[in-house]
Amino acid sequence: MPTATDFKDYYAILGVSKTATPEEIKRAYRKLARKHHPDVNPGNPAAEEKFKDINEANEVISNPETRAKYDEFGQHWKQGAAGVPPRSTSPNSAGFDDRDFNGYGNFDDFINDIMGGRAKAGRTNYRQAEDFGGFRSQAPAPDTEAAIALSFSEAFHGVQKRLQLDDDTVNVRIPPGAKSGSRIRVKGKGRPSPFSQQRGDLYLTIELRPHSFFQFAGDNLTCEVPLRPDEAVLGAQIRVPTPDGAVTMTVAKGSHSGQSLRLRGKGWILPKGVRTDLIVKIQIVSPQELSEIEQDCYEKIQANSSFNPRSTIEAVTL
C-alpha cells in the first residue's frame, strides 16, 4: 500500500499544470523522453530512472480515464480502480485528509463519504463485476510512448532493434526511410494496463543522430562539395558521395560558390521505395600551398585576366 512518500506527482514529473491539455502533455512527454532516453544517456542510471518516471507519468495522465482516477483519488488511484478501500494515516499531495479507512465496509462507502454520494453513479462508467466479486477496468490498455536514437545509416537502410521496456525485451523492426519525428507503432508491445493487464501499443518516436556530411532539407538531402578554382572555371567531372555510394557529377564551366546542383533520385528513401533528391552545394576552395608551376600559372592568369567579379558593386554607396 503506498504511503505519502511513495506518491509521485505525475504533473510535476512532466512539468505541466493539472489543467494541461492532451497536446501539452504529449509535447512535454516527447521533449523529456528524448532528453532522458537511455540511448542518449548511456551508462547513466539517474537518466534511466527519470525516463521510467516520465513514461509512467505519461501512461497515466495521457489517458483520460486513468487521469480522471488519478485526479480524483490521488496516490490511492490504483486501489480506487480495483475497488479496494485505501488506508492512510498521513496527508498526500492530492489533498486527501488524514482518516482511518478501516471503518468502511467497501470502496463505495469510502467514496460516498468523501465525495458526497456521487461515486456509485460515476464508477459504473468504467468498472464491472467479475465472478469473484472484485472489479476490473473497462478502460482500454494505455499506449506507451518511447524515443529511439538512430544513425543515418540505420534509418536509411532500416534496422532491427532490441529495446528494454521495464522488465520486457521488445524486438522492433524499423523500416527504411525513418526520419526525426517519425513514429513507429508496435502493436500490443506497450506497457500492461494497471487494471486489466492487457497491453496497449508501443509508439516509438525516431530521433536521428547528426551526420558529418548529409543534412535534411525537407524530404531531400543536402551536402556541400568543395571545388578547385580551375574546376569551377573550366568545368569538371567529380565524384560525390550519396547514401548508397559515390556517383559522378558534371560541374559546368563557370560554376560559383553557393550554387546548388541536383542529383535526382539520390536523396532519402520514402515509403514504397521512392527516392528524393540530393542537393549538392558547391564551395570553391583555394589551395593553401602551390607548386612552382601552379604559382606561375596563377600569376599569368592574374596578369592577363580582364574579368572583374566586383564590377557590379563598384558604384554601391549609401
C-alpha atoms as a PDB file:
ATOM      1  CA  MET A   1       0.000   0.000   0.000  1.00  0.00           C
ATOM      2  CA  PRO A   2       1.549   3.369  -1.000  1.00  0.00           C
ATOM      3  CA  THR A   3       2.425   5.948   1.604  1.00  0.00           C
ATOM      4  CA  ALA A   4       2.633   9.701   1.249  1.00  0.00           C
ATOM      5  CA  THR A   5       6.331   9.462   0.494  1.00  0.00           C
ATOM      6  CA  ASP A   6       5.603   6.942  -2.303  1.00  0.00           C
ATOM      7  CA  PHE A   7       3.272   9.346  -4.092  1.00  0.00           C
ATOM      8  CA  LYS A   8       4.507  10.581  -7.465  1.00  0.00           C
ATOM      9  CA  ASP A   9       3.190  13.863  -8.779  1.00  0.00           C
ATOM     10  CA  TYR A  10       2.862  12.938 -12.448  1.00  0.00           C
ATOM     11  CA  TYR A  11       2.104  16.515 -13.443  1.00  0.00           C
ATOM     12  CA  ALA A  12       5.300  17.745 -11.781  1.00  0.00           C
ATOM     13  CA  ILE A  13       7.322  14.938 -13.389  1.00  0.00           C
ATOM     14  CA  LEU A  14       6.200  16.085 -16.869  1.00  0.00           C
ATOM     15  CA  GLY A  15       6.420  19.754 -15.917  1.00  0.00           C
ATOM     16  CA  VAL A  16       2.789  20.557 -16.790  1.00  0.00           C
ATOM     17  CA  SER A  17      -0.121  22.001 -14.844  1.00  0.00           C
ATOM     18  CA  LYS A  18      -3.109  19.972 -13.673  1.00  0.00           C
ATOM     19  CA  THR A  19      -5.195  21.735 -16.337  1.00  0.00           C
ATOM     20  CA  ALA A  20      -2.797  20.834 -19.162  1.00  0.00           C
ATOM     21  CA  THR A  21      -4.386  19.793 -22.443  1.00  0.00           C
ATOM     22  CA  PRO A  22      -3.602  16.408 -24.053  1.00  0.00           C
ATOM     23  CA  GLU A  23      -1.431  18.192 -26.644  1.00  0.00           C
ATOM     24  CA  GLU A  24       0.544  19.995 -23.923  1.00  0.00           C
ATOM     25  CA  ILE A  25       1.102  16.678 -22.135  1.00  0.00           C
ATOM     26  CA  LYS A  26       2.205  14.993 -25.372  1.00  0.00           C
ATOM     27  CA  ARG A  27       4.680  17.784 -26.198  1.00  0.00           C
ATOM     28  CA  ALA A  28       6.138  17.772 -22.688  1.00  0.00           C
ATOM     29  CA  TYR A  29       6.493  13.986 -22.716  1.00  0.00           C
ATOM     30  CA  ARG A  30       8.243  13.851 -26.097  1.00  0.00           C
ATOM     31  CA  LYS A  31      10.702  16.579 -25.102  1.00  0.00           C
ATOM     32  CA  LEU A  32      11.608  14.880 -21.810  1.00  0.00           C
ATOM     33  CA  ALA A  33      11.700  11.370 -23.325  1.00  0.00           C
ATOM     34  CA  ARG A  34      14.238  12.472 -25.935  1.00  0.00           C
ATOM     35  CA  LYS A  35      16.356  14.215 -23.286  1.00  0.00           C
ATOM     36  CA  HIS A  36      16.461  11.324 -20.792  1.00  0.00           C
ATOM     37  CA  HIS A  37      16.316   8.298 -23.129  1.00  0.00           C
ATOM     38  CA  PRO A  38      18.924   5.641 -22.175  1.00  0.00           C
ATOM     39  CA  ASP A  39      20.258   5.592 -25.757  1.00  0.00           C
ATOM     40  CA  VAL A  40      21.080   9.284 -25.416  1.00  0.00           C
ATOM     41  CA  ASN A  41      22.465   8.842 -21.872  1.00  0.00           C
ATOM     42  CA  PRO A  42      24.327   5.503 -21.926  1.00  0.00           C
ATOM     43  CA  GLY A  43      25.519   4.330 -18.505  1.00  0.00           C
ATOM     44  CA  ASN A  44      23.536   6.991 -16.637  1.00  0.00           C
ATOM     45  CA  PRO A  45      21.298   5.308 -14.004  1.00  0.00           C
ATOM     46  CA  ALA A  46      19.745   8.630 -12.974  1.00  0.00           C
ATOM     47  CA  ALA A  47      18.613   9.323 -16.538  1.00  0.00           C
ATOM     48  CA  GLU A  48      17.261   5.781 -16.844  1.00  0.00           C
ATOM     49  CA  GLU A  49      15.231   6.163 -13.643  1.00  0.00           C
ATOM     50  CA  LYS A  50      13.993   9.569 -14.781  1.00  0.00           C
ATOM     51  CA  PHE A  51      12.994   8.049 -18.132  1.00  0.00           C
ATOM     52  CA  LYS A  52      10.927   5.375 -16.340  1.00  0.00           C
ATOM     53  CA  ASP A  53       9.138   8.028 -14.240  1.00  0.00           C
ATOM     54  CA  ILE A  54       8.421  10.088 -17.367  1.00  0.00           C
ATOM     55  CA  ASN A  55       6.887   7.086 -19.128  1.00  0.00           C
ATOM     56  CA  GLU A  56       4.860   6.143 -16.042  1.00  0.00           C
ATOM     57  CA  ALA A  57       3.531   9.679 -15.701  1.00  0.00           C
ATOM     58  CA  ASN A  58       2.631   9.885 -19.381  1.00  0.00           C
ATOM     59  CA  GLU A  59       0.913   6.491 -19.311  1.00  0.00           C
ATOM     60  CA  VAL A  60      -1.430   7.645 -16.554  1.00  0.00           C
ATOM     61  CA  ILE A  61      -2.282  11.262 -17.371  1.00  0.00           C
ATOM     62  CA  SER A  62      -2.303  10.950 -21.168  1.00  0.00           C
ATOM     63  CA  ASN A  63      -5.252   8.546 -20.863  1.00  0.00           C
ATOM     64  CA  PRO A  64      -8.471  10.445 -19.989  1.00  0.00           C
ATOM     65  CA  GLU A  65      -9.875   7.656 -17.794  1.00  0.00           C
ATOM     66  CA  THR A  66      -6.744   6.937 -15.772  1.00  0.00           C
ATOM     67  CA  ARG A  67      -6.137  10.677 -15.483  1.00  0.00           C
ATOM     68  CA  ALA A  68      -9.629  11.155 -14.053  1.00  0.00           C
ATOM     69  CA  LYS A  69      -8.989   8.438 -11.445  1.00  0.00           C
ATOM     70  CA  TYR A  70      -5.605   9.936 -10.596  1.00  0.00           C
ATOM     71  CA  ASP A  71      -7.096  13.429 -10.221  1.00  0.00           C
ATOM     72  CA  GLU A  72      -9.911  12.089  -8.035  1.00  0.00           C
ATOM     73  CA  PHE A  73      -8.119   9.594  -5.791  1.00  0.00           C
ATOM     74  CA  GLY A  74      -4.536  10.897  -5.754  1.00  0.00           C
ATOM     75  CA  GLN A  75      -1.990   8.348  -4.513  1.00  0.00           C
ATOM     76  CA  HIS A  76      -4.825   5.827  -3.991  1.00  0.00           C
ATOM     77  CA  TRP A  77      -5.973   5.870  -7.628  1.00  0.00           C
ATOM     78  CA  LYS A  78      -4.908   2.264  -8.322  1.00  0.00           C
ATOM     79  CA  GLN A  79      -6.734   0.941  -5.279  1.00  0.00           C
ATOM     80  CA  GLY A  80      -9.748   3.032  -6.204  1.00  0.00           C
ATOM     81  CA  ALA A  81      -9.845   1.457  -9.648  1.00  0.00           C
ATOM     82  CA  ALA A  82      -9.560  -2.020  -8.145  1.00  0.00           C
ATOM     83  CA  GLY A  83     -12.349  -1.497  -5.585  1.00  0.00           C
ATOM     84  CA  VAL A  84     -10.053  -1.643  -2.526  1.00  0.00           C
ATOM     85  CA  PRO A  85     -10.617   0.909   0.261  1.00  0.00           C
ATOM     86  CA  PRO A  86      -7.287   2.752   0.709  1.00  0.00           C
ATOM     87  CA  ARG A  87      -5.653   3.004   4.108  1.00  0.00           C
ATOM     88  CA  SER A  88      -3.738   6.045   5.190  1.00  0.00           C
ATOM     89  CA  THR A  89      -2.548   7.831   8.279  1.00  0.00           C
ATOM     90  CA  SER A  90      -0.993  10.858   6.597  1.00  0.00           C
ATOM     91  CA  PRO A  91      -1.986  13.504   4.038  1.00  0.00           C
ATOM     92  CA  ASN A  92      -0.914  13.301   0.396  1.00  0.00           C
ATOM     93  CA  SER A  93      -0.329  15.878  -2.289  1.00  0.00           C
ATOM     94  CA  ALA A  94      -3.679  15.157  -3.957  1.00  0.00           C
ATOM     95  CA  GLY A  95      -5.453  16.721  -0.978  1.00  0.00           C
ATOM     96  CA  PHE A  96      -6.965  13.747   0.931  1.00  0.00           C
ATOM     97  CA  ASP A  97      -7.404  14.306   4.654  1.00  0.00           C
ATOM     98  CA  ASP A  98      -5.971  12.096   7.363  1.00  0.00           C
ATOM     99  CA  ARG A  99      -8.570   9.451   8.210  1.00  0.00           C
ATOM    100  CA  ASP A 100      -8.908   5.832   9.303  1.00  0.00           C
ATOM    101  CA  PHE A 101     -10.228   3.721   6.420  1.00  0.00           C
ATOM    102  CA  ASN A 102     -10.731   0.555   8.468  1.00  0.00           C
ATOM    103  CA  GLY A 103     -14.331   1.509   9.253  1.00  0.00           C
ATOM    104  CA  TYR A 104     -15.512   1.268   5.652  1.00  0.00           C
ATOM    105  CA  GLY A 105     -17.115  -1.984   4.554  1.00  0.00           C
ATOM    106  CA  ASN A 106     -16.346  -1.443   0.892  1.00  0.00           C
ATOM    107  CA  PHE A 107     -14.991   1.118  -1.513  1.00  0.00           C
ATOM    108  CA  ASP A 108     -18.434   2.567  -2.272  1.00  0.00           C
ATOM    109  CA  ASP A 109     -18.843   3.510   1.396  1.00  0.00           C
ATOM    110  CA  PHE A 110     -15.449   5.225   1.402  1.00  0.00           C
ATOM    111  CA  ILE A 111     -16.061   7.177  -1.813  1.00  0.00           C
ATOM    112  CA  ASN A 112     -19.632   8.134  -0.859  1.00  0.00           C
ATOM    113  CA  ASP A 113     -18.292   9.543   2.406  1.00  0.00           C
ATOM    114  CA  ILE A 114     -15.606  11.765   0.871  1.00  0.00           C
ATOM    115  CA  MET A 115     -17.335  12.582  -2.446  1.00  0.00           C
ATOM    116  CA  GLY A 116     -20.848  13.272  -1.218  1.00  0.00           C
ATOM    117  CA  GLY A 117     -22.575  10.177  -2.567  1.00  0.00           C
ATOM    118  CA  ARG A 118     -21.734  10.623  -6.250  1.00  0.00           C
ATOM    119  CA  ALA A 119     -19.288   7.728  -6.537  1.00  0.00           C
ATOM    120  CA  LYS A 120     -21.703   4.916  -7.377  1.00  0.00           C
ATOM    121  CA  ALA A 121     -23.071   6.652 -10.432  1.00  0.00           C
ATOM    122  CA  GLY A 122     -19.622   7.601 -11.727  1.00  0.00           C
ATOM    123  CA  ARG A 123     -17.851   4.297 -11.141  1.00  0.00           C
ATOM    124  CA  THR A 124     -20.200   2.247 -13.287  1.00  0.00           C
ATOM    125  CA  ASN A 125     -18.872   4.090 -16.332  1.00  0.00           C
ATOM    126  CA  TYR A 126     -15.601   2.253 -16.146  1.00  0.00           C
ATOM    127  CA  ARG A 127     -15.904  -0.851 -13.959  1.00  0.00           C
ATOM    128  CA  GLN A 128     -17.859  -4.093 -13.961  1.00  0.00           C
ATOM    129  CA  ALA A 129     -18.187  -7.035 -11.550  1.00  0.00           C
ATOM    130  CA  GLU A 130     -16.139 -10.204 -12.007  1.00  0.00           C
ATOM    131  CA  ASP A 131     -17.095 -13.700 -10.866  1.00  0.00           C
ATOM    132  CA  PHE A 132     -15.217 -13.309  -7.591  1.00  0.00           C
ATOM    133  CA  GLY A 133     -16.915 -10.103  -6.549  1.00  0.00           C
ATOM    134  CA  GLY A 134     -13.976  -7.876  -7.436  1.00  0.00           C
ATOM    135  CA  PHE A 135     -13.824  -5.156 -10.027  1.00  0.00           C
ATOM    136  CA  ARG A 136     -11.895  -4.652 -13.230  1.00  0.00           C
ATOM    137  CA  SER A 137     -11.447  -1.699 -15.526  1.00  0.00           C
ATOM    138  CA  GLN A 138     -13.186  -1.426 -18.862  1.00  0.00           C
ATOM    139  CA  ALA A 139     -10.736   1.297 -19.975  1.00  0.00           C
ATOM    140  CA  PRO A 140      -8.547   0.321 -22.934  1.00  0.00           C
ATOM    141  CA  ALA A 141      -4.937  -0.514 -22.206  1.00  0.00           C
ATOM    142  CA  PRO A 142      -2.884   2.711 -22.407  1.00  0.00           C
ATOM    143  CA  ASP A 143      -0.425   3.200 -25.243  1.00  0.00           C
ATOM    144  CA  THR A 144       3.258   3.643 -24.398  1.00  0.00           C
ATOM    145  CA  GLU A 145       5.450   6.377 -25.891  1.00  0.00           C
ATOM    146  CA  ALA A 146       9.209   5.976 -26.157  1.00  0.00           C
ATOM    147  CA  ALA A 147      12.078   7.589 -28.072  1.00  0.00           C
ATOM    148  CA  ILE A 148      14.819   5.815 -30.002  1.00  0.00           C
ATOM    149  CA  ALA A 149      18.011   7.305 -31.469  1.00  0.00           C
ATOM    150  CA  LEU A 150      19.252   6.029 -34.848  1.00  0.00           C
ATOM    151  CA  SER A 151      22.241   6.742 -37.047  1.00  0.00           C
ATOM    152  CA  PHE A 152      21.629   7.944 -40.619  1.00  0.00           C
ATOM    153  CA  SER A 153      22.703   4.532 -41.901  1.00  0.00           C
ATOM    154  CA  GLU A 154      20.288   2.651 -39.618  1.00  0.00           C
ATOM    155  CA  ALA A 155      17.421   4.941 -40.572  1.00  0.00           C
ATOM    156  CA  PHE A 156      18.149   4.858 -44.308  1.00  0.00           C
ATOM    157  CA  HIS A 157      18.603   1.101 -44.651  1.00  0.00           C
ATOM    158  CA  GLY A 158      16.225   0.004 -41.887  1.00  0.00           C
ATOM    159  CA  VAL A 159      17.324  -1.842 -38.768  1.00  0.00           C
ATOM    160  CA  GLN A 160      16.257  -4.430 -36.188  1.00  0.00           C
ATOM    161  CA  LYS A 161      16.445  -3.056 -32.655  1.00  0.00           C
ATOM    162  CA  ARG A 162      16.102  -4.801 -29.304  1.00  0.00           C
ATOM    163  CA  LEU A 163      14.620  -2.473 -26.687  1.00  0.00           C
ATOM    164  CA  GLN A 164      14.296  -2.868 -22.945  1.00  0.00           C
ATOM    165  CA  LEU A 165      10.859  -1.732 -21.755  1.00  0.00           C
ATOM    166  CA  ASP A 166      10.813  -2.070 -17.984  1.00  0.00           C
ATOM    167  CA  ASP A 167      11.350  -5.826 -17.480  1.00  0.00           C
ATOM    168  CA  ASP A 168      10.397  -6.790 -21.043  1.00  0.00           C
ATOM    169  CA  THR A 169      12.616  -7.081 -24.120  1.00  0.00           C
ATOM    170  CA  VAL A 170      10.913  -5.892 -27.300  1.00  0.00           C
ATOM    171  CA  ASN A 171      12.257  -6.619 -30.788  1.00  0.00           C
ATOM    172  CA  VAL A 172      11.373  -3.843 -33.205  1.00  0.00           C
ATOM    173  CA  ARG A 173      11.900  -3.663 -36.962  1.00  0.00           C
ATOM    174  CA  ILE A 174      12.451  -0.067 -38.128  1.00  0.00           C
ATOM    175  CA  PRO A 175      11.627   0.125 -41.859  1.00  0.00           C
ATOM    176  CA  PRO A 176      13.916   2.011 -44.280  1.00  0.00           C
ATOM    177  CA  GLY A 177      13.434   5.768 -44.519  1.00  0.00           C
ATOM    178  CA  ALA A 178      12.706   6.795 -40.918  1.00  0.00           C
ATOM    179  CA  LYS A 179      13.336  10.471 -40.102  1.00  0.00           C
ATOM    180  CA  SER A 180      13.480  12.526 -36.927  1.00  0.00           C
ATOM    181  CA  GLY A 181       9.913  12.800 -35.665  1.00  0.00           C
ATOM    182  CA  SER A 182       8.754   9.630 -37.442  1.00  0.00           C
ATOM    183  CA  ARG A 183       6.561   7.419 -35.240  1.00  0.00           C
ATOM    184  CA  ILE A 184       6.641   3.634 -35.420  1.00  0.00           C
ATOM    185  CA  ARG A 185       3.691   1.679 -33.999  1.00  0.00           C
ATOM    186  CA  VAL A 186       4.390  -1.740 -32.483  1.00  0.00           C
ATOM    187  CA  LYS A 187       1.022  -3.343 -31.790  1.00  0.00           C
ATOM    188  CA  GLY A 188       0.496  -4.959 -28.391  1.00  0.00           C
ATOM    189  CA  LYS A 189       4.004  -4.177 -27.108  1.00  0.00           C
ATOM    190  CA  GLY A 190       3.175  -1.294 -24.772  1.00  0.00           C
ATOM    191  CA  ARG A 191       3.018  -1.495 -21.002  1.00  0.00           C
ATOM    192  CA  PRO A 192       0.173  -3.533 -19.483  1.00  0.00           C
ATOM    193  CA  SER A 193      -2.871  -1.745 -18.125  1.00  0.00           C
ATOM    194  CA  PRO A 194      -2.700  -1.380 -14.315  1.00  0.00           C
ATOM    195  CA  PHE A 195      -6.270  -2.709 -14.216  1.00  0.00           C
ATOM    196  CA  SER A 196      -6.716  -5.476 -16.810  1.00  0.00           C
ATOM    197  CA  GLN A 197      -3.069  -6.361 -17.606  1.00  0.00           C
ATOM    198  CA  GLN A 198      -3.921  -6.080 -21.298  1.00  0.00           C
ATOM    199  CA  ARG A 199      -1.131  -4.462 -23.281  1.00  0.00           C
ATOM    200  CA  GLY A 200      -1.518  -1.291 -25.295  1.00  0.00           C
ATOM    201  CA  ASP A 201       0.561  -0.368 -28.329  1.00  0.00           C
ATOM    202  CA  LEU A 202       4.136   0.921 -28.280  1.00  0.00           C
ATOM    203  CA  TYR A 203       4.801   4.124 -30.222  1.00  0.00           C
ATOM    204  CA  LEU A 204       8.439   4.883 -30.960  1.00  0.00           C
ATOM    205  CA  THR A 205       9.487   8.421 -31.881  1.00  0.00           C
ATOM    206  CA  ILE A 206      12.603   8.442 -34.065  1.00  0.00           C
ATOM    207  CA  GLU A 207      15.496  10.796 -33.353  1.00  0.00           C
ATOM    208  CA  LEU A 208      18.336  10.831 -35.919  1.00  0.00           C
ATOM    209  CA  ARG A 209      21.861  11.490 -34.733  1.00  0.00           C
ATOM    210  CA  PRO A 210      23.605  14.250 -36.762  1.00  0.00           C
ATOM    211  CA  HIS A 211      25.648  13.176 -39.804  1.00  0.00           C
ATOM    212  CA  SER A 212      29.026  14.702 -40.654  1.00  0.00           C
ATOM    213  CA  PHE A 213      28.198  15.186 -44.362  1.00  0.00           C
ATOM    214  CA  PHE A 214      24.459  14.875 -45.086  1.00  0.00           C
ATOM    215  CA  GLN A 215      21.655  17.074 -43.792  1.00  0.00           C
ATOM    216  CA  PHE A 216      17.929  17.241 -44.445  1.00  0.00           C
ATOM    217  CA  ALA A 217      16.162  19.947 -46.461  1.00  0.00           C
ATOM    218  CA  GLY A 218      12.551  18.851 -46.211  1.00  0.00           C
ATOM    219  CA  ASP A 219      12.438  15.344 -47.673  1.00  0.00           C
ATOM    220  CA  ASN A 220      15.584  15.935 -49.747  1.00  0.00           C
ATOM    221  CA  LEU A 221      19.171  15.591 -48.566  1.00  0.00           C
ATOM    222  CA  THR A 222      21.798  18.299 -48.910  1.00  0.00           C
ATOM    223  CA  CYS A 223      25.592  18.236 -48.829  1.00  0.00           C
ATOM    224  CA  GLU A 224      28.447  20.648 -49.521  1.00  0.00           C
ATOM    225  CA  VAL A 225      31.149  19.672 -52.027  1.00  0.00           C
ATOM    226  CA  PRO A 226      34.454  21.575 -52.427  1.00  0.00           C
ATOM    227  CA  LEU A 227      35.818  22.528 -55.880  1.00  0.00           C
ATOM    228  CA  ARG A 228      39.225  23.793 -57.014  1.00  0.00           C
ATOM    229  CA  PRO A 229      39.168  27.185 -58.777  1.00  0.00           C
ATOM    230  CA  ASP A 230      40.183  25.598 -62.089  1.00  0.00           C
ATOM    231  CA  GLU A 231      37.360  23.015 -61.802  1.00  0.00           C
ATOM    232  CA  ALA A 232      34.850  25.804 -61.286  1.00  0.00           C
ATOM    233  CA  VAL A 233      36.211  27.855 -64.203  1.00  0.00           C
ATOM    234  CA  LEU A 234      36.743  25.070 -66.747  1.00  0.00           C
ATOM    235  CA  GLY A 235      34.129  22.562 -65.570  1.00  0.00           C
ATOM    236  CA  ALA A 236      34.851  19.061 -64.329  1.00  0.00           C
ATOM    237  CA  GLN A 237      33.610  15.559 -63.628  1.00  0.00           C
ATOM    238  CA  ILE A 238      33.714  14.982 -59.852  1.00  0.00           C
ATOM    239  CA  ARG A 239      32.762  12.122 -57.500  1.00  0.00           C
ATOM    240  CA  VAL A 240      30.050  12.924 -54.958  1.00  0.00           C
ATOM    241  CA  PRO A 241      29.030  10.680 -52.012  1.00  0.00           C
ATOM    242  CA  THR A 242      25.371   9.620 -51.786  1.00  0.00           C
ATOM    243  CA  PRO A 243      23.639   7.497 -49.102  1.00  0.00           C
ATOM    244  CA  ASP A 244      24.251   4.333 -51.123  1.00  0.00           C
ATOM    245  CA  GLY A 245      27.613   5.043 -52.783  1.00  0.00           C
ATOM    246  CA  ALA A 246      29.502   7.722 -54.716  1.00  0.00           C
ATOM    247  CA  VAL A 247      28.373   8.852 -58.190  1.00  0.00           C
ATOM    248  CA  THR A 248      29.953  11.017 -60.909  1.00  0.00           C
ATOM    249  CA  MET A 249      28.506  14.501 -61.311  1.00  0.00           C
ATOM    250  CA  THR A 250      29.178  17.056 -64.058  1.00  0.00           C
ATOM    251  CA  VAL A 251      30.151  20.558 -62.949  1.00  0.00           C
ATOM    252  CA  ALA A 252      29.552  23.106 -65.696  1.00  0.00           C
ATOM    253  CA  LYS A 253      32.040  25.788 -66.756  1.00  0.00           C
ATOM    254  CA  GLY A 254      31.817  28.969 -64.742  1.00  0.00           C
ATOM    255  CA  SER A 255      30.293  27.436 -61.628  1.00  0.00           C
ATOM    256  CA  HIS A 256      30.410  29.528 -58.457  1.00  0.00           C
ATOM    257  CA  SER A 257      30.341  29.101 -54.690  1.00  0.00           C
ATOM    258  CA  GLY A 258      26.871  28.648 -53.250  1.00  0.00           C
ATOM    259  CA  GLN A 259      25.483  27.211 -56.481  1.00  0.00           C
ATOM    260  CA  SER A 260      23.253  24.167 -55.972  1.00  0.00           C
ATOM    261  CA  LEU A 261      23.200  21.147 -58.276  1.00  0.00           C
ATOM    262  CA  ARG A 262      20.565  18.419 -58.080  1.00  0.00           C
ATOM    263  CA  LEU A 263      21.180  14.675 -58.216  1.00  0.00           C
ATOM    264  CA  ARG A 264      17.724  13.267 -58.834  1.00  0.00           C
ATOM    265  CA  GLY A 265      16.744  10.101 -57.014  1.00  0.00           C
ATOM    266  CA  LYS A 266      19.916  10.087 -54.881  1.00  0.00           C
ATOM    267  CA  GLY A 267      18.470  11.504 -51.658  1.00  0.00           C
ATOM    268  CA  TRP A 268      16.470   9.911 -48.828  1.00  0.00           C
ATOM    269  CA  ILE A 269      14.256   6.885 -49.200  1.00  0.00           C
ATOM    270  CA  LEU A 270      10.491   7.317 -48.838  1.00  0.00           C
ATOM    271  CA  PRO A 271       7.738   4.732 -48.302  1.00  0.00           C
ATOM    272  CA  LYS A 272       7.317   2.279 -51.186  1.00  0.00           C
ATOM    273  CA  GLY A 273      10.979   2.762 -52.111  1.00  0.00           C
ATOM    274  CA  VAL A 274      10.674   6.204 -53.732  1.00  0.00           C
ATOM    275  CA  ARG A 275      13.900   8.254 -53.518  1.00  0.00           C
ATOM    276  CA  THR A 276      14.112  12.015 -53.044  1.00  0.00           C
ATOM    277  CA  ASP A 277      16.898  14.203 -54.465  1.00  0.00           C
ATOM    278  CA  LEU A 278      20.379  15.068 -53.221  1.00  0.00           C
ATOM    279  CA  ILE A 279      21.080  18.809 -53.407  1.00  0.00           C
ATOM    280  CA  VAL A 280      24.824  19.432 -53.869  1.00  0.00           C
ATOM    281  CA  LYS A 281      26.042  22.878 -52.827  1.00  0.00           C
ATOM    282  CA  ILE A 282      29.323  23.967 -54.404  1.00  0.00           C
ATOM    283  CA  GLN A 283      32.052  25.577 -52.323  1.00  0.00           C
ATOM    284  CA  ILE A 284      35.142  26.832 -54.190  1.00  0.00           C
ATOM    285  CA  VAL A 285      38.264  26.235 -52.127  1.00  0.00           C
ATOM    286  CA  SER A 286      41.614  27.910 -52.874  1.00  0.00           C
ATOM    287  CA  PRO A 287      44.799  25.888 -52.367  1.00  0.00           C
ATOM    288  CA  GLN A 288      46.908  26.876 -49.371  1.00  0.00           C
ATOM    289  CA  GLU A 289      50.184  25.703 -50.929  1.00  0.00           C
ATOM    290  CA  LEU A 290      51.181  25.949 -54.613  1.00  0.00           C
ATOM    291  CA  SER A 291      53.800  24.187 -56.671  1.00  0.00           C
ATOM    292  CA  GLU A 292      56.085  26.336 -58.823  1.00  0.00           C
ATOM    293  CA  ILE A 293      54.039  25.521 -61.924  1.00  0.00           C
ATOM    294  CA  GLU A 294      50.775  26.383 -60.184  1.00  0.00           C
ATOM    295  CA  GLN A 295      52.237  29.637 -58.849  1.00  0.00           C
ATOM    296  CA  ASP A 296      53.420  30.606 -62.311  1.00  0.00           C
ATOM    297  CA  CYS A 297      50.078  29.759 -63.910  1.00  0.00           C
ATOM    298  CA  TYR A 298      48.024  31.711 -61.391  1.00  0.00           C
ATOM    299  CA  GLU A 299      50.332  34.729 -61.761  1.00  0.00           C
ATOM    300  CA  LYS A 300      49.886  34.642 -65.541  1.00  0.00           C
ATOM    301  CA  ILE A 301      46.114  34.372 -65.151  1.00  0.00           C
ATOM    302  CA  GLN A 302      46.089  37.319 -62.752  1.00  0.00           C
ATOM    303  CA  ALA A 303      48.240  39.413 -65.057  1.00  0.00           C
ATOM    304  CA  ASN A 304      46.187  38.693 -68.166  1.00  0.00           C
ATOM    305  CA  SER A 305      42.622  38.368 -66.864  1.00  0.00           C
ATOM    306  CA  SER A 306      40.079  41.023 -67.824  1.00  0.00           C
ATOM    307  CA  PHE A 307      37.346  39.559 -65.597  1.00  0.00           C
ATOM    308  CA  ASN A 308      36.275  41.787 -62.707  1.00  0.00           C
ATOM    309  CA  PRO A 309      33.876  39.962 -60.323  1.00  0.00           C
ATOM    310  CA  ARG A 310      33.269  43.238 -58.415  1.00  0.00           C
ATOM    311  CA  SER A 311      32.163  45.341 -61.336  1.00  0.00           C
ATOM    312  CA  THR A 312      28.524  45.258 -60.206  1.00  0.00           C
ATOM    313  CA  ILE A 313      29.285  46.617 -56.725  1.00  0.00           C
ATOM    314  CA  GLU A 314      31.814  49.360 -57.506  1.00  0.00           C
ATOM    315  CA  ALA A 315      29.116  52.038 -57.646  1.00  0.00           C
ATOM    316  CA  VAL A 316      27.403  50.956 -54.439  1.00  0.00           C
ATOM    317  CA  THR A 317      27.019  53.752 -51.890  1.00  0.00           C
ATOM    318  CA  LEU A 318      24.740  54.826 -49.048  1.00  0.00           C
END
